[in-house]
C-alpha atoms as a PDB file:
ATOM      1  CA  MET A   1     324.201  24.155  81.965  1.00  0.00           C
ATOM      2  CA  LYS A   2     325.235  26.488  79.181  1.00  0.00           C
ATOM      3  CA  ASN A   3     323.004  24.576  76.753  1.00  0.00           C
ATOM      4  CA  ILE A   4     320.060  24.836  79.108  1.00  0.00           C
ATOM      5  CA  ILE A   5     320.524  28.591  79.519  1.00  0.00           C
ATOM      6  CA  THR A   6     320.937  29.016  75.765  1.00  0.00           C
ATOM      7  CA  GLY A   7     317.804  26.956  75.162  1.00  0.00           C
ATOM      8  CA  VAL A   8     315.795  28.916  77.724  1.00  0.00           C
ATOM      9  CA  LEU A   9     317.009  32.224  76.279  1.00  0.00           C
ATOM     10  CA  SER A  10     316.273  31.060  72.745  1.00  0.00           C
ATOM     11  CA  GLY A  11     312.790  30.051  73.867  1.00  0.00           C
ATOM     12  CA  ALA A  12     312.317  33.410  75.570  1.00  0.00           C
ATOM     13  CA  VAL A  13     313.470  35.273  72.445  1.00  0.00           C
ATOM     14  CA  LEU A  14     311.164  33.161  70.282  1.00  0.00           C
ATOM     15  CA  PHE A  15     308.268  33.783  72.708  1.00  0.00           C
ATOM     16  CA  MET A  16     308.928  37.560  72.650  1.00  0.00           C
ATOM     17  CA  ALA A  17     309.144  37.551  68.852  1.00  0.00           C
ATOM     18  CA  ILE A  18     305.782  35.823  68.643  1.00  0.00           C
ATOM     19  CA  GLN A  19     304.270  38.294  71.139  1.00  0.00           C
ATOM     20  CA  VAL A  20     305.640  41.270  69.188  1.00  0.00           C
ATOM     21  CA  GLY A  21     304.210  39.806  65.965  1.00  0.00           C
ATOM     22  CA  VAL A  22     300.804  39.250  67.578  1.00  0.00           C
ATOM     23  CA  ALA A  23     300.856  42.757  69.075  1.00  0.00           C
ATOM     24  CA  HIS A  24     301.814  44.194  65.687  1.00  0.00           C
ATOM     25  CA  GLU A  25     298.903  42.393  63.988  1.00  0.00           C
ATOM     26  CA  LYS A  26     296.467  43.584  66.682  1.00  0.00           C
ATOM     27  CA  THR A  27     297.768  47.142  66.307  1.00  0.00           C
ATOM     28  CA  LYS A  28     297.476  46.926  62.529  1.00  0.00           C
ATOM     29  CA  ASP A  29     293.895  45.603  62.816  1.00  0.00           C
ATOM     30  CA  PHE A  30     292.994  48.416  65.244  1.00  0.00           C
ATOM     31  CA  VAL A  31     294.512  51.069  62.976  1.00  0.00           C
ATOM     32  CA  ASN A  32     292.708  49.631  59.937  1.00  0.00           C
ATOM     33  CA  LYS A  33     289.364  49.624  61.774  1.00  0.00           C
ATOM     34  CA  LEU A  34     289.976  53.173  62.985  1.00  0.00           C
ATOM     35  CA  GLU A  35     290.868  54.335  59.468  1.00  0.00           C
ATOM     36  CA  ILE A  36     287.749  52.680  58.056  1.00  0.00           C
ATOM     37  CA  LYS A  37     285.573  54.326  60.720  1.00  0.00           C
ATOM     38  CA  GLN A  38     287.174  57.742  60.169  1.00  0.00           C
ATOM     39  CA  SER A  39     286.901  57.322  56.402  1.00  0.00           C
ATOM     40  CA  THR A  40     283.206  56.417  56.698  1.00  0.00           C
ATOM     41  CA  GLU A  41     282.533  59.368  59.001  1.00  0.00           C
ATOM     42  CA  ALA A  42     284.432  61.728  56.694  1.00  0.00           C
ATOM     43  CA  TRP A  43     282.487  60.427  53.697  1.00  0.00           C
ATOM     44  CA  GLU A  44     279.156  60.885  55.511  1.00  0.00           C
ATOM     45  CA  LEU A  45     280.129  64.418  56.545  1.00  0.00           C
ATOM     46  CA  ALA A  46     281.243  65.310  53.013  1.00  0.00           C
ATOM     47  CA  ARG A  47     278.016  63.874  51.578  1.00  0.00           C
ATOM     48  CA  THR A  48     275.887  65.816  54.083  1.00  0.00           C
ATOM     49  CA  VAL A  49     277.727  69.077  53.355  1.00  0.00           C
ATOM     50  CA  ALA A  50     277.368  68.529  49.604  1.00  0.00           C
ATOM     51  CA  MET A  51     273.641  67.859  49.968  1.00  0.00           C
ATOM     52  CA  LEU A  52     273.124  70.981  52.087  1.00  0.00           C
ATOM     53  CA  GLN A  53     275.062  73.127  49.625  1.00  0.00           C
ATOM     54  CA  ALA A  54     273.111  71.712  46.696  1.00  0.00           C
ATOM     55  CA  SER A  55     269.840  72.291  48.530  1.00  0.00           C
ATOM     56  CA  LYS A  56     270.785  75.886  49.352  1.00  0.00           C
ATOM     57  CA  THR A  57     271.899  76.522  45.773  1.00  0.00           C
ATOM     58  CA  ILE A  58     268.749  75.009  44.302  1.00  0.00           C
ATOM     59  CA  SER A  59     266.439  76.923  46.643  1.00  0.00           C
ATOM     60  CA  SER A  60     268.408  80.135  46.104  1.00  0.00           C
ATOM     61  CA  MET A  61     268.333  79.694  42.344  1.00  0.00           C
ATOM     62  CA  TYR A  62     264.603  79.057  42.427  1.00  0.00           C
ATOM     63  CA  PHE A  63     263.989  82.171  44.504  1.00  0.00           C
ATOM     64  CA  VAL A  64     266.288  84.426  42.482  1.00  0.00           C
ATOM     65  CA  GLN A  65     264.778  83.210  39.242  1.00  0.00           C
ATOM     66  CA  GLY A  66     261.364  84.181  40.581  1.00  0.00           C
ATOM     67  CA  GLY A  67     261.188  87.126  38.203  1.00  0.00           C
ATOM     68  CA  ASN A  68     259.346  90.274  39.244  1.00  0.00           C
ATOM     69  CA  MET A  69     259.519  90.980  42.969  1.00  0.00           C
ATOM     70  CA  TRP A  70     258.145  93.895  45.005  1.00  0.00           C
ATOM     71  CA  PHE A  71     260.728  95.266  47.460  1.00  0.00           C
ATOM     72  CA  ALA A  72     259.159  97.320  50.264  1.00  0.00           C
ATOM     73  CA  VAL A  73     261.397 100.297  51.053  1.00  0.00           C
ATOM     74  CA  ASN A  74     261.861 103.141  53.472  1.00  0.00           C
ATOM     75  CA  ALA A  75     262.840 105.864  51.013  1.00  0.00           C
ATOM     76  CA  THR A  76     264.721 108.936  52.168  1.00  0.00           C
ATOM     77  CA  GLY A  77     265.129 110.106  48.578  1.00  0.00           C
ATOM     78  CA  THR A  78     264.525 109.143  44.985  1.00  0.00           C
ATOM     79  CA  GLN A  79     267.922 107.559  44.355  1.00  0.00           C
ATOM     80  CA  PRO A  80     268.130 103.740  44.518  1.00  0.00           C
ATOM     81  CA  SER A  81     270.829 104.050  47.186  1.00  0.00           C
ATOM     82  CA  ASP A  82     268.348 106.030  49.341  1.00  0.00           C
ATOM     83  CA  GLN A  83     265.713 103.284  49.128  1.00  0.00           C
ATOM     84  CA  LYS A  84     266.455 100.885  52.004  1.00  0.00           C
ATOM     85  CA  VAL A  85     264.638  97.548  51.792  1.00  0.00           C
ATOM     86  CA  SER A  86     262.395  97.139  54.836  1.00  0.00           C
ATOM     87  CA  GLN A  87     260.700  93.752  54.206  1.00  0.00           C
ATOM     88  CA  GLN A  88     261.402  90.518  52.364  1.00  0.00           C
ATOM     89  CA  PRO A  89     260.365  90.817  48.707  1.00  0.00           C
ATOM     90  CA  THR A  90     257.003  89.477  47.542  1.00  0.00           C
ATOM     91  CA  THR A  91     255.827  88.402  44.131  1.00  0.00           C
ATOM     92  CA  SER A  92     252.208  89.474  44.277  1.00  0.00           C
ATOM     93  CA  THR A  93     251.657  93.130  45.099  1.00  0.00           C
ATOM     94  CA  PRO A  94     253.161  95.891  47.204  1.00  0.00           C
ATOM     95  CA  SER A  95     252.214  95.633  50.856  1.00  0.00           C
ATOM     96  CA  GLY A  96     249.458  97.496  52.715  1.00  0.00           C
ATOM     97  CA  ASP A  97     248.523 100.994  51.546  1.00  0.00           C
ATOM     98  CA  CYS A  98     251.466 101.060  49.166  1.00  0.00           C
ATOM     99  CA  LEU A  99     249.849 101.204  45.706  1.00  0.00           C
ATOM    100  CA  THR A 100     251.008 101.911  42.169  1.00  0.00           C
ATOM    101  CA  THR A 101     248.152 104.408  41.793  1.00  0.00           C
ATOM    102  CA  ASN A 102     249.250 106.570  44.756  1.00  0.00           C
ATOM    103  CA  THR A 103     251.410 109.665  44.275  1.00  0.00           C
ATOM    104  CA  GLY A 104     253.128 110.103  47.656  1.00  0.00           C
ATOM    105  CA  GLN A 105     256.438 108.830  49.006  1.00  0.00           C
ATOM    106  CA  ILE A 106     257.961 105.716  47.385  1.00  0.00           C
ATOM    107  CA  CYS A 107     257.208 102.674  49.527  1.00  0.00           C
ATOM    108  CA  SER A 108     257.904  99.755  47.172  1.00  0.00           C
ATOM    109  CA  VAL A 109     259.986  99.095  44.065  1.00  0.00           C
ATOM    110  CA  LEU A 110     259.349  96.381  41.478  1.00  0.00           C
ATOM    111  CA  LEU A 111     262.520  94.593  40.379  1.00  0.00           C
ATOM    112  CA  ASN A 112     263.152  91.659  38.081  1.00  0.00           C
ATOM    113  CA  THR A 113     265.546  89.351  39.956  1.00  0.00           C
ATOM    114  CA  SER A 114     265.830  86.630  37.309  1.00  0.00           C
ATOM    115  CA  SER A 115     269.126  87.970  35.961  1.00  0.00           C
ATOM    116  CA  ILE A 116     270.895  87.750  39.344  1.00  0.00           C
ATOM    117  CA  GLU A 117     273.479  84.985  39.095  1.00  0.00           C
ATOM    118  CA  ASP A 118     275.304  85.325  42.415  1.00  0.00           C
ATOM    119  CA  THR A 119     272.785  83.532  44.608  1.00  0.00           C
ATOM    120  CA  GLU A 120     275.046  83.659  47.657  1.00  0.00           C
ATOM    121  CA  ALA A 121     275.368  87.449  47.495  1.00  0.00           C
ATOM    122  CA  TYR A 122     271.604  87.716  46.914  1.00  0.00           C
ATOM    123  CA  GLU A 123     270.908  85.615  50.018  1.00  0.00           C
ATOM    124  CA  GLU A 124     273.345  87.733  52.045  1.00  0.00           C
ATOM    125  CA  LEU A 125     271.511  90.914  51.020  1.00  0.00           C
ATOM    126  CA  LYS A 126     268.160  89.390  51.988  1.00  0.00           C
ATOM    127  CA  GLU A 127     269.584  88.378  55.377  1.00  0.00           C
ATOM    128  CA  ARG A 128     270.411  92.053  56.052  1.00  0.00           C
ATOM    129  CA  ILE A 129     266.755  93.063  55.645  1.00  0.00           C
ATOM    130  CA  GLY A 130     265.387  94.089  59.040  1.00  0.00           C
ATOM    131  CA  THR A 131     268.850  94.718  60.511  1.00  0.00           C
ATOM    132  CA  ALA A 132     270.622  97.955  61.394  1.00  0.00           C
ATOM    133  CA  ASN A 133     272.315  97.789  57.977  1.00  0.00           C
ATOM    134  CA  PRO A 134     269.523  97.013  55.486  1.00  0.00           C
ATOM    135  CA  PRO A 135     270.390  96.697  51.799  1.00  0.00           C
ATOM    136  CA  SER A 136     269.306  99.342  49.337  1.00  0.00           C
ATOM    137  CA  ILE A 137     267.629  98.917  45.977  1.00  0.00           C
ATOM    138  CA  GLN A 138     270.986  99.885  44.481  1.00  0.00           C
ATOM    139  CA  ASP A 139     272.573  96.831  46.121  1.00  0.00           C
ATOM    140  CA  PHE A 140     270.124  94.576  44.265  1.00  0.00           C
ATOM    141  CA  LEU A 141     270.641  96.472  41.013  1.00  0.00           C
ATOM    142  CA  ASP A 142     274.406  96.008  41.457  1.00  0.00           C
ATOM    143  CA  LEU A 143     273.852  92.229  41.615  1.00  0.00           C
ATOM    144  CA  GLY A 144     272.019  92.276  38.292  1.00  0.00           C
ATOM    145  CA  ALA A 145     268.380  92.944  39.180  1.00  0.00           C
ATOM    146  CA  THR A 146     266.654  95.258  36.720  1.00  0.00           C
ATOM    147  CA  TYR A 147     263.733  97.655  36.751  1.00  0.00           C
ATOM    148  CA  THR A 148     260.616  96.350  35.058  1.00  0.00           C
ATOM    149  CA  GLY A 149     259.229  99.465  33.397  1.00  0.00           C
ATOM    150  CA  PRO A 150     259.513 100.317  29.705  1.00  0.00           C
ATOM    151  CA  GLY A 151     263.143 100.888  28.750  1.00  0.00           C
ATOM    152  CA  ASN A 152     264.256  99.504  32.137  1.00  0.00           C
ATOM    153  CA  THR A 153     262.605 102.360  34.029  1.00  0.00           C
ATOM    154  CA  PRO A 154     261.604 102.075  37.703  1.00  0.00           C
ATOM    155  CA  VAL A 155     258.117 100.946  38.660  1.00  0.00           C
ATOM    156  CA  TYR A 156     257.128 102.326  42.053  1.00  0.00           C
ATOM    157  CA  ALA A 157     254.287 101.899  44.458  1.00  0.00           C
ATOM    158  CA  ARG A 158     253.688 104.895  46.681  1.00  0.00           C
ATOM    159  CA  LEU A 159     251.835 105.964  49.776  1.00  0.00           C
ATOM    160  CA  ALA A 160     248.790 108.195  49.543  1.00  0.00           C
ATOM    161  CA  PRO A 161     249.787 111.884  49.671  1.00  0.00           C
END
């Protein structure tokens, strides 16, 4: 009887050992598949983020390196800090009745933006245009924009008097 019980118990222990081994292999396979899936998803996310950042950098660099840009302003004075940018900059001409031949209030300032290197800061300033806290011409000068007149003097367009 003792031999039978020992045999049955040995068989039961062997059966449990096999089950634990099979369960361990299944768990290991599941974990490996999960790690592969997570790794693939992480790689795809990292690749997407990198592509978006590269795209933003390239488009920002292209825009900043655009050269001479007219910045429409609401001027409360003649200082660059008083000239709040009211519209997105354009490359062609000042907007509307704002002309370089007029002699009234300053309504647009011509800046060369090609020397701005901090594209992220430049984009942040442009995003503030049209908000309650618009950037000033001085903000763009602080980033490295320059005036386009002789000797780095301002070039203005003005309203009719």
